[in-house]
Amino acid sequence: LLTHRAVREAANSEVTVLTIHAWRPDHLLPQMLNRDDPADLIVDGRPHQDRRLAALKAHQSQSEYFSSLGSGSLETFLDRTAWESYRVYPAAKVSPPDRQPPLSSRQTATRD
């Protein structure tokens, strides 16, 4: 939620925030999902499998991890995660928090 607020403050306007890996009880890899974010939007990524595979292969440092989630295969991992789920937080304007003045303009406490 702090990240959501920071995004809205940085945009300085009303923005919709989507979080990836929203919870779906039927997902094949539930350990990858955020149980606190129920899915509002589910997207079929199957038409993009070739691009997703190329992206995974481009990040060799992560390939072993994702392969392990796919029983040793990046292709199986992609099959298990073909449907992506998102939580949608509607657009909202967030007022910037009160900011403290710079340290140089604050009074400093002294001990007697």
PDB file of N, CA and C in Angstrom:
ATOM      1  N   LEU A   1       0.816  -1.194   0.000  1.00  0.00           N
ATOM      2  CA  LEU A   1       0.000   0.000   0.000  1.00  0.00           C
ATOM      3  C   LEU A   1       0.856   1.254   0.000  1.00  0.00           C
ATOM      4  N   LEU A   2       2.015   1.193   0.633  1.00  0.00           N
ATOM      5  CA  LEU A   2       2.907   2.351   0.585  1.00  0.00           C
ATOM      6  C   LEU A   2       3.392   2.589  -0.837  1.00  0.00           C
ATOM      7  N   THR A   3       3.617   1.513  -1.570  1.00  0.00           N
ATOM      8  CA  THR A   3       4.031   1.655  -2.965  1.00  0.00           C
ATOM      9  C   THR A   3       2.923   2.289  -3.788  1.00  0.00           C
ATOM     10  N   HIS A   4       1.690   1.862  -3.552  1.00  0.00           N
ATOM     11  CA  HIS A   4       0.552   2.453  -4.273  1.00  0.00           C
ATOM     12  C   HIS A   4       0.513   3.957  -4.030  1.00  0.00           C
ATOM     13  N   ARG A   5       0.664   4.344  -2.778  1.00  0.00           N
ATOM     14  CA  ARG A   5       0.627   5.767  -2.433  1.00  0.00           C
ATOM     15  C   ARG A   5       1.772   6.512  -3.118  1.00  0.00           C
ATOM     16  N   ALA A   6       2.962   5.924  -3.095  1.00  0.00           N
ATOM     17  CA  ALA A   6       4.122   6.572  -3.714  1.00  0.00           C
ATOM     18  C   ALA A   6       3.905   6.762  -5.215  1.00  0.00           C
ATOM     19  N   VAL A   7       3.319   5.773  -5.869  1.00  0.00           N
ATOM     20  CA  VAL A   7       3.039   5.887  -7.308  1.00  0.00           C
ATOM     21  C   VAL A   7       2.072   7.031  -7.555  1.00  0.00           C
ATOM     22  N   ARG A   8       1.037   7.100  -6.751  1.00  0.00           N
ATOM     23  CA  ARG A   8       0.033   8.149  -6.949  1.00  0.00           C
ATOM     24  C   ARG A   8       0.610   9.529  -6.656  1.00  0.00           C
ATOM     25  N   GLU A   9       1.452   9.625  -5.639  1.00  0.00           N
ATOM     26  CA  GLU A   9       2.089  10.912  -5.342  1.00  0.00           C
ATOM     27  C   GLU A   9       3.022  11.318  -6.477  1.00  0.00           C
ATOM     28  N   ALA A  10       3.794  10.371  -6.977  1.00  0.00           N
ATOM     29  CA  ALA A  10       4.741  10.683  -8.054  1.00  0.00           C
ATOM     30  C   ALA A  10       4.004  11.118  -9.320  1.00  0.00           C
ATOM     31  N   ALA A  11       2.868  10.504  -9.591  1.00  0.00           N
ATOM     32  CA  ALA A  11       2.093  10.863 -10.780  1.00  0.00           C
ATOM     33  C   ALA A  11       1.399  12.207 -10.604  1.00  0.00           C
ATOM     34  N   ASN A  12       1.176  12.581  -9.350  1.00  0.00           N
ATOM     35  CA  ASN A  12       0.503  13.840  -9.025  1.00  0.00           C
ATOM     36  C   ASN A  12      -0.846  13.952  -9.740  1.00  0.00           C
ATOM     37  N   SER A  13      -1.488  12.816  -9.910  1.00  0.00           N
ATOM     38  CA  SER A  13      -2.812  12.800 -10.525  1.00  0.00           C
ATOM     39  C   SER A  13      -3.496  11.492 -10.146  1.00  0.00           C
ATOM     40  N   GLU A  14      -4.740  11.368 -10.564  1.00  0.00           N
ATOM     41  CA  GLU A  14      -5.454  10.128 -10.304  1.00  0.00           C
ATOM     42  C   GLU A  14      -4.937   9.052 -11.255  1.00  0.00           C
ATOM     43  N   VAL A  15      -4.503   7.949 -10.695  1.00  0.00           N
ATOM     44  CA  VAL A  15      -4.020   6.839 -11.510  1.00  0.00           C
ATOM     45  C   VAL A  15      -4.606   5.535 -10.983  1.00  0.00           C
ATOM     46  N   THR A  16      -4.826   4.611 -11.887  1.00  0.00           N
ATOM     47  CA  THR A  16      -5.244   3.269 -11.514  1.00  0.00           C
ATOM     48  C   THR A  16      -3.980   2.446 -11.302  1.00  0.00           C
ATOM     49  N   VAL A  17      -3.950   1.675 -10.231  1.00  0.00           N
ATOM     50  CA  VAL A  17      -2.792   0.837  -9.924  1.00  0.00           C
ATOM     51  C   VAL A  17      -3.203  -0.624 -10.096  1.00  0.00           C
ATOM     52  N   LEU A  18      -2.405  -1.365 -10.853  1.00  0.00           N
ATOM     53  CA  LEU A  18      -2.614  -2.803 -11.009  1.00  0.00           C
ATOM     54  C   LEU A  18      -1.445  -3.532 -10.377  1.00  0.00           C
ATOM     55  N   THR A  19      -1.751  -4.571  -9.624  1.00  0.00           N
ATOM     56  CA  THR A  19      -0.686  -5.405  -9.065  1.00  0.00           C
ATOM     57  C   THR A  19      -0.708  -6.754  -9.776  1.00  0.00           C
ATOM     58  N   ILE A  20       0.463  -7.270 -10.054  1.00  0.00           N
ATOM     59  CA  ILE A  20       0.575  -8.558 -10.739  1.00  0.00           C
ATOM     60  C   ILE A  20       0.576  -9.677  -9.697  1.00  0.00           C
ATOM     61  N   HIS A  21       0.313 -10.866 -10.123  1.00  0.00           N
ATOM     62  CA  HIS A  21       0.291 -12.067  -9.278  1.00  0.00           C
ATOM     63  C   HIS A  21      -0.808 -12.006  -8.225  1.00  0.00           C
ATOM     64  N   ALA A  22      -1.973 -11.497  -8.622  1.00  0.00           N
ATOM     65  CA  ALA A  22      -3.114 -11.473  -7.706  1.00  0.00           C
ATOM     66  C   ALA A  22      -3.608 -12.905  -7.462  1.00  0.00           C
ATOM     67  N   TRP A  23      -4.276 -13.088  -6.349  1.00  0.00           N
ATOM     68  CA  TRP A  23      -4.670 -14.418  -5.898  1.00  0.00           C
ATOM     69  C   TRP A  23      -5.779 -15.032  -6.750  1.00  0.00           C
ATOM     70  N   ARG A  24      -5.540 -16.286  -7.113  1.00  0.00           N
ATOM     71  CA  ARG A  24      -6.545 -17.133  -7.765  1.00  0.00           C
ATOM     72  C   ARG A  24      -6.397 -18.526  -7.167  1.00  0.00           C
ATOM     73  N   PRO A  25      -7.434 -19.060  -6.564  1.00  0.00           N
ATOM     74  CA  PRO A  25      -7.306 -20.372  -5.925  1.00  0.00           C
ATOM     75  C   PRO A  25      -7.024 -21.510  -6.905  1.00  0.00           C
ATOM     76  N   ASP A  26      -7.286 -21.304  -8.202  1.00  0.00           N
ATOM     77  CA  ASP A  26      -7.080 -22.365  -9.187  1.00  0.00           C
ATOM     78  C   ASP A  26      -5.709 -22.311  -9.864  1.00  0.00           C
ATOM     79  N   HIS A  27      -4.839 -21.400  -9.437  1.00  0.00           N
ATOM     80  CA  HIS A  27      -3.534 -21.237 -10.084  1.00  0.00           C
ATOM     81  C   HIS A  27      -2.657 -22.455  -9.812  1.00  0.00           C
ATOM     82  N   LEU A  28      -1.869 -22.848 -10.819  1.00  0.00           N
ATOM     83  CA  LEU A  28      -1.010 -24.028 -10.687  1.00  0.00           C
ATOM     84  C   LEU A  28       0.219 -23.790  -9.812  1.00  0.00           C
ATOM     85  N   LEU A  29       0.579 -22.534  -9.579  1.00  0.00           N
ATOM     86  CA  LEU A  29       1.720 -22.198  -8.719  1.00  0.00           C
ATOM     87  C   LEU A  29       1.263 -21.174  -7.673  1.00  0.00           C
ATOM     88  N   PRO A  30       0.418 -21.588  -6.725  1.00  0.00           N
ATOM     89  CA  PRO A  30      -0.138 -20.627  -5.768  1.00  0.00           C
ATOM     90  C   PRO A  30       0.919 -19.934  -4.912  1.00  0.00           C
ATOM     91  N   GLN A  31       2.089 -20.555  -4.759  1.00  0.00           N
ATOM     92  CA  GLN A  31       3.143 -19.944  -3.953  1.00  0.00           C
ATOM     93  C   GLN A  31       3.683 -18.660  -4.584  1.00  0.00           C
ATOM     94  N   MET A  32       3.387 -18.431  -5.849  1.00  0.00           N
ATOM     95  CA  MET A  32       3.849 -17.218  -6.530  1.00  0.00           C
ATOM     96  C   MET A  32       2.875 -16.050  -6.370  1.00  0.00           C
ATOM     97  N   LEU A  33       1.694 -16.314  -5.819  1.00  0.00           N
ATOM     98  CA  LEU A  33       0.643 -15.300  -5.803  1.00  0.00           C
ATOM     99  C   LEU A  33       0.537 -14.589  -4.463  1.00  0.00           C
ATOM    100  N   ASN A  34      -0.062 -13.413  -4.504  1.00  0.00           N
ATOM    101  CA  ASN A  34      -0.297 -12.610  -3.311  1.00  0.00           C
ATOM    102  C   ASN A  34      -1.725 -12.866  -2.833  1.00  0.00           C
ATOM    103  N   ARG A  35      -1.860 -13.567  -1.733  1.00  0.00           N
ATOM    104  CA  ARG A  35      -3.187 -13.913  -1.205  1.00  0.00           C
ATOM    105  C   ARG A  35      -3.973 -12.686  -0.744  1.00  0.00           C
ATOM    106  N   ASP A  36      -3.300 -11.576  -0.518  1.00  0.00           N
ATOM    107  CA  ASP A  36      -3.981 -10.353  -0.076  1.00  0.00           C
ATOM    108  C   ASP A  36      -4.592  -9.563  -1.228  1.00  0.00           C
ATOM    109  N   ASP A  37      -4.296  -9.954  -2.454  1.00  0.00           N
ATOM    110  CA  ASP A  37      -4.819  -9.258  -3.635  1.00  0.00           C
ATOM    111  C   ASP A  37      -5.668 -10.209  -4.469  1.00  0.00           C
ATOM    112  N   PRO A  38      -6.982 -10.277  -4.232  1.00  0.00           N
ATOM    113  CA  PRO A  38      -7.808 -11.131  -5.086  1.00  0.00           C
ATOM    114  C   PRO A  38      -7.812 -10.607  -6.519  1.00  0.00           C
ATOM    115  N   ALA A  39      -7.839 -11.510  -7.477  1.00  0.00           N
ATOM    116  CA  ALA A  39      -7.762 -11.131  -8.892  1.00  0.00           C
ATOM    117  C   ALA A  39      -9.045 -10.453  -9.364  1.00  0.00           C
ATOM    118  N   ASP A  40      -8.873  -9.297  -9.985  1.00  0.00           N
ATOM    119  CA  ASP A  40      -9.976  -8.590 -10.638  1.00  0.00           C
ATOM    120  C   ASP A  40      -9.900  -8.751 -12.148  1.00  0.00           C
ATOM    121  N   LEU A  41      -8.710  -8.988 -12.655  1.00  0.00           N
ATOM    122  CA  LEU A  41      -8.467  -9.046 -14.092  1.00  0.00           C
ATOM    123  C   LEU A  41      -7.562 -10.243 -14.377  1.00  0.00           C
ATOM    124  N   ILE A  42      -7.982 -11.097 -15.302  1.00  0.00           N
ATOM    125  CA  ILE A  42      -7.182 -12.259 -15.691  1.00  0.00           C
ATOM    126  C   ILE A  42      -6.926 -12.158 -17.189  1.00  0.00           C
ATOM    127  N   VAL A  43      -5.645 -12.218 -17.557  1.00  0.00           N
ATOM    128  CA  VAL A  43      -5.233 -12.009 -18.945  1.00  0.00           C
ATOM    129  C   VAL A  43      -4.602 -13.289 -19.492  1.00  0.00           C
ATOM    130  N   ASP A  44      -5.025 -13.672 -20.681  1.00  0.00           N
ATOM    131  CA  ASP A  44      -4.482 -14.845 -21.359  1.00  0.00           C
ATOM    132  C   ASP A  44      -3.172 -14.464 -22.045  1.00  0.00           C
ATOM    133  N   GLY A  45      -2.057 -14.959 -21.525  1.00  0.00           N
ATOM    134  CA  GLY A  45      -0.754 -14.651 -22.098  1.00  0.00           C
ATOM    135  C   GLY A  45      -0.277 -15.670 -23.120  1.00  0.00           C
ATOM    136  N   ARG A  46      -1.097 -16.675 -23.411  1.00  0.00           N
ATOM    137  CA  ARG A  46      -0.673 -17.736 -24.337  1.00  0.00           C
ATOM    138  C   ARG A  46      -0.262 -17.225 -25.717  1.00  0.00           C
ATOM    139  N   PRO A  47      -0.922 -16.197 -26.269  1.00  0.00           N
ATOM    140  CA  PRO A  47      -0.474 -15.715 -27.581  1.00  0.00           C
ATOM    141  C   PRO A  47       0.940 -15.128 -27.565  1.00  0.00           C
ATOM    142  N   HIS A  48       1.479 -14.900 -26.378  1.00  0.00           N
ATOM    143  CA  HIS A  48       2.787 -14.255 -26.244  1.00  0.00           C
ATOM    144  C   HIS A  48       3.854 -15.207 -25.702  1.00  0.00           C
ATOM    145  N   GLN A  49       3.601 -16.515 -25.757  1.00  0.00           N
ATOM    146  CA  GLN A  49       4.532 -17.484 -25.176  1.00  0.00           C
ATOM    147  C   GLN A  49       5.935 -17.375 -25.765  1.00  0.00           C
ATOM    148  N   ASP A  50       6.050 -17.171 -27.069  1.00  0.00           N
ATOM    149  CA  ASP A  50       7.385 -17.082 -27.685  1.00  0.00           C
ATOM    150  C   ASP A  50       8.169 -15.904 -27.126  1.00  0.00           C
ATOM    151  N   ARG A  51       7.512 -14.769 -26.982  1.00  0.00           N
ATOM    152  CA  ARG A  51       8.192 -13.581 -26.429  1.00  0.00           C
ATOM    153  C   ARG A  51       8.516 -13.772 -24.956  1.00  0.00           C
ATOM    154  N   ARG A  52       7.617 -14.393 -24.229  1.00  0.00           N
ATOM    155  CA  ARG A  52       7.866 -14.646 -22.806  1.00  0.00           C
ATOM    156  C   ARG A  52       9.059 -15.586 -22.639  1.00  0.00           C
ATOM    157  N   LEU A  53       9.127 -16.620 -23.483  1.00  0.00           N
ATOM    158  CA  LEU A  53      10.246 -17.561 -23.414  1.00  0.00           C
ATOM    159  C   LEU A  53      11.556 -16.860 -23.748  1.00  0.00           C
ATOM    160  N   ALA A  54      11.551 -16.030 -24.767  1.00  0.00           N
ATOM    161  CA  ALA A  54      12.765 -15.284 -25.135  1.00  0.00           C
ATOM    162  C   ALA A  54      13.198 -14.371 -23.992  1.00  0.00           C
ATOM    163  N   ALA A  55      12.240 -13.745 -23.322  1.00  0.00           N
ATOM    164  CA  ALA A  55      12.569 -12.863 -22.197  1.00  0.00           C
ATOM    165  C   ALA A  55      13.185 -13.656 -21.049  1.00  0.00           C
ATOM    166  N   LEU A  56      12.619 -14.813 -20.735  1.00  0.00           N
ATOM    167  CA  LEU A  56      13.189 -15.645 -19.669  1.00  0.00           C
ATOM    168  C   LEU A  56      14.599 -16.111 -20.025  1.00  0.00           C
ATOM    169  N   LYS A  57      14.800 -16.502 -21.249  1.00  0.00           N
ATOM    170  CA  LYS A  57      16.127 -16.965 -21.668  1.00  0.00           C
ATOM    171  C   LYS A  57      17.147 -15.832 -21.677  1.00  0.00           C
ATOM    172  N   ALA A  58      16.693 -14.604 -21.837  1.00  0.00           N
ATOM    173  CA  ALA A  58      17.596 -13.447 -21.832  1.00  0.00           C
ATOM    174  C   ALA A  58      18.114 -13.142 -20.429  1.00  0.00           C
ATOM    175  N   HIS A  59      17.460 -13.680 -19.420  1.00  0.00           N
ATOM    176  CA  HIS A  59      17.863 -13.448 -18.028  1.00  0.00           C
ATOM    177  C   HIS A  59      18.357 -14.769 -17.440  1.00  0.00           C
ATOM    178  N   GLN A  60      19.545 -15.156 -17.832  1.00  0.00           N
ATOM    179  CA  GLN A  60      20.082 -16.456 -17.440  1.00  0.00           C
ATOM    180  C   GLN A  60      20.180 -16.630 -15.932  1.00  0.00           C
ATOM    181  N   SER A  61      20.398 -15.537 -15.208  1.00  0.00           N
ATOM    182  CA  SER A  61      20.522 -15.648 -13.753  1.00  0.00           C
ATOM    183  C   SER A  61      19.211 -16.110 -13.114  1.00  0.00           C
ATOM    184  N   GLN A  62      18.096 -15.952 -13.809  1.00  0.00           N
ATOM    185  CA  GLN A  62      16.797 -16.341 -13.265  1.00  0.00           C
ATOM    186  C   GLN A  62      16.254 -17.628 -13.874  1.00  0.00           C
ATOM    187  N   SER A  63      16.882 -18.090 -14.932  1.00  0.00           N
ATOM    188  CA  SER A  63      16.363 -19.259 -15.654  1.00  0.00           C
ATOM    189  C   SER A  63      16.249 -20.498 -14.777  1.00  0.00           C
ATOM    190  N   GLU A  64      17.245 -20.740 -13.945  1.00  0.00           N
ATOM    191  CA  GLU A  64      17.220 -21.938 -13.102  1.00  0.00           C
ATOM    192  C   GLU A  64      16.033 -21.903 -12.144  1.00  0.00           C
ATOM    193  N   TYR A  65      15.790 -20.740 -11.544  1.00  0.00           N
ATOM    194  CA  TYR A  65      14.660 -20.615 -10.615  1.00  0.00           C
ATOM    195  C   TYR A  65      13.338 -20.900 -11.326  1.00  0.00           C
ATOM    196  N   PHE A  66      13.109 -20.252 -12.468  1.00  0.00           N
ATOM    197  CA  PHE A  66      11.848 -20.440 -13.176  1.00  0.00           C
ATOM    198  C   PHE A  66      11.730 -21.851 -13.744  1.00  0.00           C
ATOM    199  N   SER A  67      12.842 -22.423 -14.167  1.00  0.00           N
ATOM    200  CA  SER A  67      12.822 -23.818 -14.622  1.00  0.00           C
ATOM    201  C   SER A  67      12.404 -24.747 -13.491  1.00  0.00           C
ATOM    202  N   SER A  68      12.887 -24.467 -12.280  1.00  0.00           N
ATOM    203  CA  SER A  68      12.527 -25.322 -11.141  1.00  0.00           C
ATOM    204  C   SER A  68      11.024 -25.277 -10.872  1.00  0.00           C
ATOM    205  N   LEU A  69      10.399 -24.139 -11.116  1.00  0.00           N
ATOM    206  CA  LEU A  69       8.948 -24.035 -10.945  1.00  0.00           C
ATOM    207  C   LEU A  69       8.203 -24.735 -12.078  1.00  0.00           C
ATOM    208  N   GLY A  70       8.908 -25.002 -13.156  1.00  0.00           N
ATOM    209  CA  GLY A  70       8.334 -25.705 -14.299  1.00  0.00           C
ATOM    210  C   GLY A  70       8.833 -27.130 -14.396  1.00  0.00           C
ATOM    211  N   SER A  71       9.169 -27.737 -13.263  1.00  0.00           N
ATOM    212  CA  SER A  71       9.676 -29.118 -13.226  1.00  0.00           C
ATOM    213  C   SER A  71      10.872 -29.306 -14.152  1.00  0.00           C
ATOM    214  N   GLY A  72      11.749 -28.280 -14.188  1.00  0.00           N
ATOM    215  CA  GLY A  72      12.973 -28.365 -14.975  1.00  0.00           C
ATOM    216  C   GLY A  72      12.880 -27.770 -16.364  1.00  0.00           C
ATOM    217  N   SER A  73      11.756 -27.161 -16.694  1.00  0.00           N
ATOM    218  CA  SER A  73      11.561 -26.650 -18.049  1.00  0.00           C
ATOM    219  C   SER A  73      10.960 -25.243 -18.031  1.00  0.00           C
ATOM    220  N   LEU A  74      11.596 -24.330 -18.758  1.00  0.00           N
ATOM    221  CA  LEU A  74      11.024 -22.985 -18.881  1.00  0.00           C
ATOM    222  C   LEU A  74       9.681 -23.033 -19.607  1.00  0.00           C
ATOM    223  N   GLU A  75       9.566 -23.905 -20.587  1.00  0.00           N
ATOM    224  CA  GLU A  75       8.311 -24.030 -21.332  1.00  0.00           C
ATOM    225  C   GLU A  75       7.169 -24.471 -20.417  1.00  0.00           C
ATOM    226  N   THR A  76       7.456 -25.418 -19.522  1.00  0.00           N
ATOM    227  CA  THR A  76       6.426 -25.868 -18.582  1.00  0.00           C
ATOM    228  C   THR A  76       6.065 -24.753 -17.615  1.00  0.00           C
ATOM    229  N   PHE A  77       7.071 -24.002 -17.166  1.00  0.00           N
ATOM    230  CA  PHE A  77       6.782 -22.849 -16.305  1.00  0.00           C
ATOM    231  C   PHE A  77       5.835 -21.888 -17.015  1.00  0.00           C
ATOM    232  N   LEU A  78       6.109 -21.593 -18.281  1.00  0.00           N
ATOM    233  CA  LEU A  78       5.250 -20.678 -19.034  1.00  0.00           C
ATOM    234  C   LEU A  78       3.846 -21.242 -19.205  1.00  0.00           C
ATOM    235  N   ASP A  79       3.732 -22.542 -19.402  1.00  0.00           N
ATOM    236  CA  ASP A  79       2.404 -23.157 -19.493  1.00  0.00           C
ATOM    237  C   ASP A  79       1.639 -22.991 -18.184  1.00  0.00           C
ATOM    238  N   ARG A  80       2.343 -23.120 -17.067  1.00  0.00           N
ATOM    239  CA  ARG A  80       1.704 -23.012 -15.750  1.00  0.00           C
ATOM    240  C   ARG A  80       1.333 -21.574 -15.390  1.00  0.00           C
ATOM    241  N   THR A  81       1.969 -20.626 -16.044  1.00  0.00           N
ATOM    242  CA  THR A  81       1.722 -19.208 -15.722  1.00  0.00           C
ATOM    243  C   THR A  81       1.155 -18.439 -16.910  1.00  0.00           C
ATOM    244  N   ALA A  82       0.555 -19.153 -17.851  1.00  0.00           N
ATOM    245  CA  ALA A  82       0.057 -18.505 -19.074  1.00  0.00           C
ATOM    246  C   ALA A  82      -1.042 -17.484 -18.795  1.00  0.00           C
ATOM    247  N   TRP A  83      -1.840 -17.730 -17.786  1.00  0.00           N
ATOM    248  CA  TRP A  83      -2.915 -16.800 -17.425  1.00  0.00           C
ATOM    249  C   TRP A  83      -2.417 -15.928 -16.282  1.00  0.00           C
ATOM    250  N   GLU A  84      -2.282 -14.631 -16.533  1.00  0.00           N
ATOM    251  CA  GLU A  84      -1.781 -13.695 -15.526  1.00  0.00           C
ATOM    252  C   GLU A  84      -2.954 -13.021 -14.825  1.00  0.00           C
ATOM    253  N   SER A  85      -2.812 -12.824 -13.530  1.00  0.00           N
ATOM    254  CA  SER A  85      -3.899 -12.232 -12.751  1.00  0.00           C
ATOM    255  C   SER A  85      -3.440 -10.940 -12.085  1.00  0.00           C
ATOM    256  N   TYR A  86      -4.342  -9.982 -12.078  1.00  0.00           N
ATOM    257  CA  TYR A  86      -4.048  -8.649 -11.560  1.00  0.00           C
ATOM    258  C   TYR A  86      -5.149  -8.191 -10.616  1.00  0.00           C
ATOM    259  N   ARG A  87      -4.765  -7.444  -9.619  1.00  0.00           N
ATOM    260  CA  ARG A  87      -5.717  -6.735  -8.758  1.00  0.00           C
ATOM    261  C   ARG A  87      -5.765  -5.306  -9.274  1.00  0.00           C
ATOM    262  N   VAL A  88      -6.954  -4.742  -9.405  1.00  0.00           N
ATOM    263  CA  VAL A  88      -7.120  -3.381  -9.904  1.00  0.00           C
ATOM    264  C   VAL A  88      -7.538  -2.485  -8.744  1.00  0.00           C
ATOM    265  N   TYR A  89      -6.706  -1.494  -8.461  1.00  0.00           N
ATOM    266  CA  TYR A  89      -7.040  -0.477  -7.465  1.00  0.00           C
ATOM    267  C   TYR A  89      -7.468   0.763  -8.244  1.00  0.00           C
ATOM    268  N   PRO A  90      -8.746   1.159  -8.126  1.00  0.00           N
ATOM    269  CA  PRO A  90      -9.264   2.271  -8.932  1.00  0.00           C
ATOM    270  C   PRO A  90      -8.476   3.559  -8.734  1.00  0.00           C
ATOM    271  N   ALA A  91      -8.594   4.417  -9.733  1.00  0.00           N
ATOM    272  CA  ALA A  91      -7.909   5.708  -9.693  1.00  0.00           C
ATOM    273  C   ALA A  91      -8.316   6.468  -8.440  1.00  0.00           C
ATOM    274  N   ALA A  92      -7.340   7.065  -7.812  1.00  0.00           N
ATOM    275  CA  ALA A  92      -7.587   7.866  -6.618  1.00  0.00           C
ATOM    276  C   ALA A  92      -6.507   8.919  -6.507  1.00  0.00           C
ATOM    277  N   LYS A  93      -6.905  10.085  -6.115  1.00  0.00           N
ATOM    278  CA  LYS A  93      -5.952  11.177  -5.899  1.00  0.00           C
ATOM    279  C   LYS A  93      -5.481  11.074  -4.460  1.00  0.00           C
ATOM    280  N   VAL A  94      -4.203  11.139  -4.262  1.00  0.00           N
ATOM    281  CA  VAL A  94      -3.627  11.073  -2.921  1.00  0.00           C
ATOM    282  C   VAL A  94      -2.971  12.402  -2.632  1.00  0.00           C
ATOM    283  N   SER A  95      -3.340  12.986  -1.527  1.00  0.00           N
ATOM    284  CA  SER A  95      -2.702  14.241  -1.133  1.00  0.00           C
ATOM    285  C   SER A  95      -1.299  13.943  -0.650  1.00  0.00           C
ATOM    286  N   PRO A  96      -0.339  14.775  -1.041  1.00  0.00           N
ATOM    287  CA  PRO A  96       1.020  14.550  -0.544  1.00  0.00           C
ATOM    288  C   PRO A  96       1.044  14.664   0.972  1.00  0.00           C
ATOM    289  N   PRO A  97       1.835  13.850   1.630  1.00  0.00           N
ATOM    290  CA  PRO A  97       1.918  13.944   3.088  1.00  0.00           C
ATOM    291  C   PRO A  97       2.591  15.251   3.488  1.00  0.00           C
ATOM    292  N   ASP A  98       2.303  15.667   4.719  1.00  0.00           N
ATOM    293  CA  ASP A  98       2.998  16.849   5.237  1.00  0.00           C
ATOM    294  C   ASP A  98       4.474  16.505   5.323  1.00  0.00           C
ATOM    295  N   ARG A  99       5.266  17.338   4.774  1.00  0.00           N
ATOM    296  CA  ARG A  99       6.712  17.096   4.769  1.00  0.00           C
ATOM    297  C   ARG A  99       7.370  17.994   5.812  1.00  0.00           C
ATOM    298  N   GLN A 100       8.350  17.424   6.478  1.00  0.00           N
ATOM    299  CA  GLN A 100       9.092  18.221   7.443  1.00  0.00           C
ATOM    300  C   GLN A 100      10.012  19.164   6.686  1.00  0.00           C
ATOM    301  N   PRO A 101      10.252  20.347   7.243  1.00  0.00           N
ATOM    302  CA  PRO A 101      11.190  21.258   6.597  1.00  0.00           C
ATOM    303  C   PRO A 101      12.593  20.660   6.617  1.00  0.00           C
ATOM    304  N   PRO A 102      13.477  21.147   5.754  1.00  0.00           N
ATOM    305  CA  PRO A 102      14.853  20.641   5.755  1.00  0.00           C
ATOM    306  C   PRO A 102      15.476  20.760   7.140  1.00  0.00           C
ATOM    307  N   LEU A 103      16.377  19.867   7.450  1.00  0.00           N
ATOM    308  CA  LEU A 103      17.016  19.818   8.760  1.00  0.00           C
ATOM    309  C   LEU A 103      17.617  21.166   9.139  1.00  0.00           C
ATOM    310  N   SER A 104      18.190  21.886   8.188  1.00  0.00           N
ATOM    311  CA  SER A 104      18.845  23.158   8.495  1.00  0.00           C
ATOM    312  C   SER A 104      17.862  24.213   9.000  1.00  0.00           C
ATOM    313  N   SER A 105      16.582  24.077   8.676  1.00  0.00           N
ATOM    314  CA  SER A 105      15.626  25.088   9.120  1.00  0.00           C
ATOM    315  C   SER A 105      14.868  24.667  10.375  1.00  0.00           C
ATOM    316  N   ARG A 106      15.145  23.466  10.875  1.00  0.00           N
ATOM    317  CA  ARG A 106      14.481  23.008  12.098  1.00  0.00           C
ATOM    318  C   ARG A 106      15.299  23.432  13.310  1.00  0.00           C
ATOM    319  N   GLN A 107      14.600  23.676  14.378  1.00  0.00           N
ATOM    320  CA  GLN A 107      15.313  23.961  15.620  1.00  0.00           C
ATOM    321  C   GLN A 107      15.838  22.652  16.175  1.00  0.00           C
ATOM    322  N   THR A 108      17.013  22.697  16.741  1.00  0.00           N
ATOM    323  CA  THR A 108      17.571  21.491  17.344  1.00  0.00           C
ATOM    324  C   THR A 108      17.425  21.581  18.848  1.00  0.00           C
ATOM    325  N   ALA A 109      17.128  20.449  19.433  1.00  0.00           N
ATOM    326  CA  ALA A 109      16.975  20.404  20.884  1.00  0.00           C
ATOM    327  C   ALA A 109      18.353  20.367  21.528  1.00  0.00           C
ATOM    328  N   THR A 110      18.489  21.050  22.622  1.00  0.00           N
ATOM    329  CA  THR A 110      19.756  21.024  23.355  1.00  0.00           C
ATOM    330  C   THR A 110      19.486  20.548  24.762  1.00  0.00           C
ATOM    331  N   ARG A 111      20.483  19.936  25.342  1.00  0.00           N
ATOM    332  CA  ARG A 111      20.351  19.470  26.725  1.00  0.00           C
ATOM    333  C   ARG A 111      20.970  20.498  27.645  1.00  0.00           C
ATOM    334  N   ASP A 112      20.335  20.672  28.773  1.00  0.00           N
ATOM    335  CA  ASP A 112      20.893  21.589  29.786  1.00  0.00           C
ATOM    336  C   ASP A 112      21.957  20.907  30.582  1.00  0.00           C
TER     337      ASP A 112
END
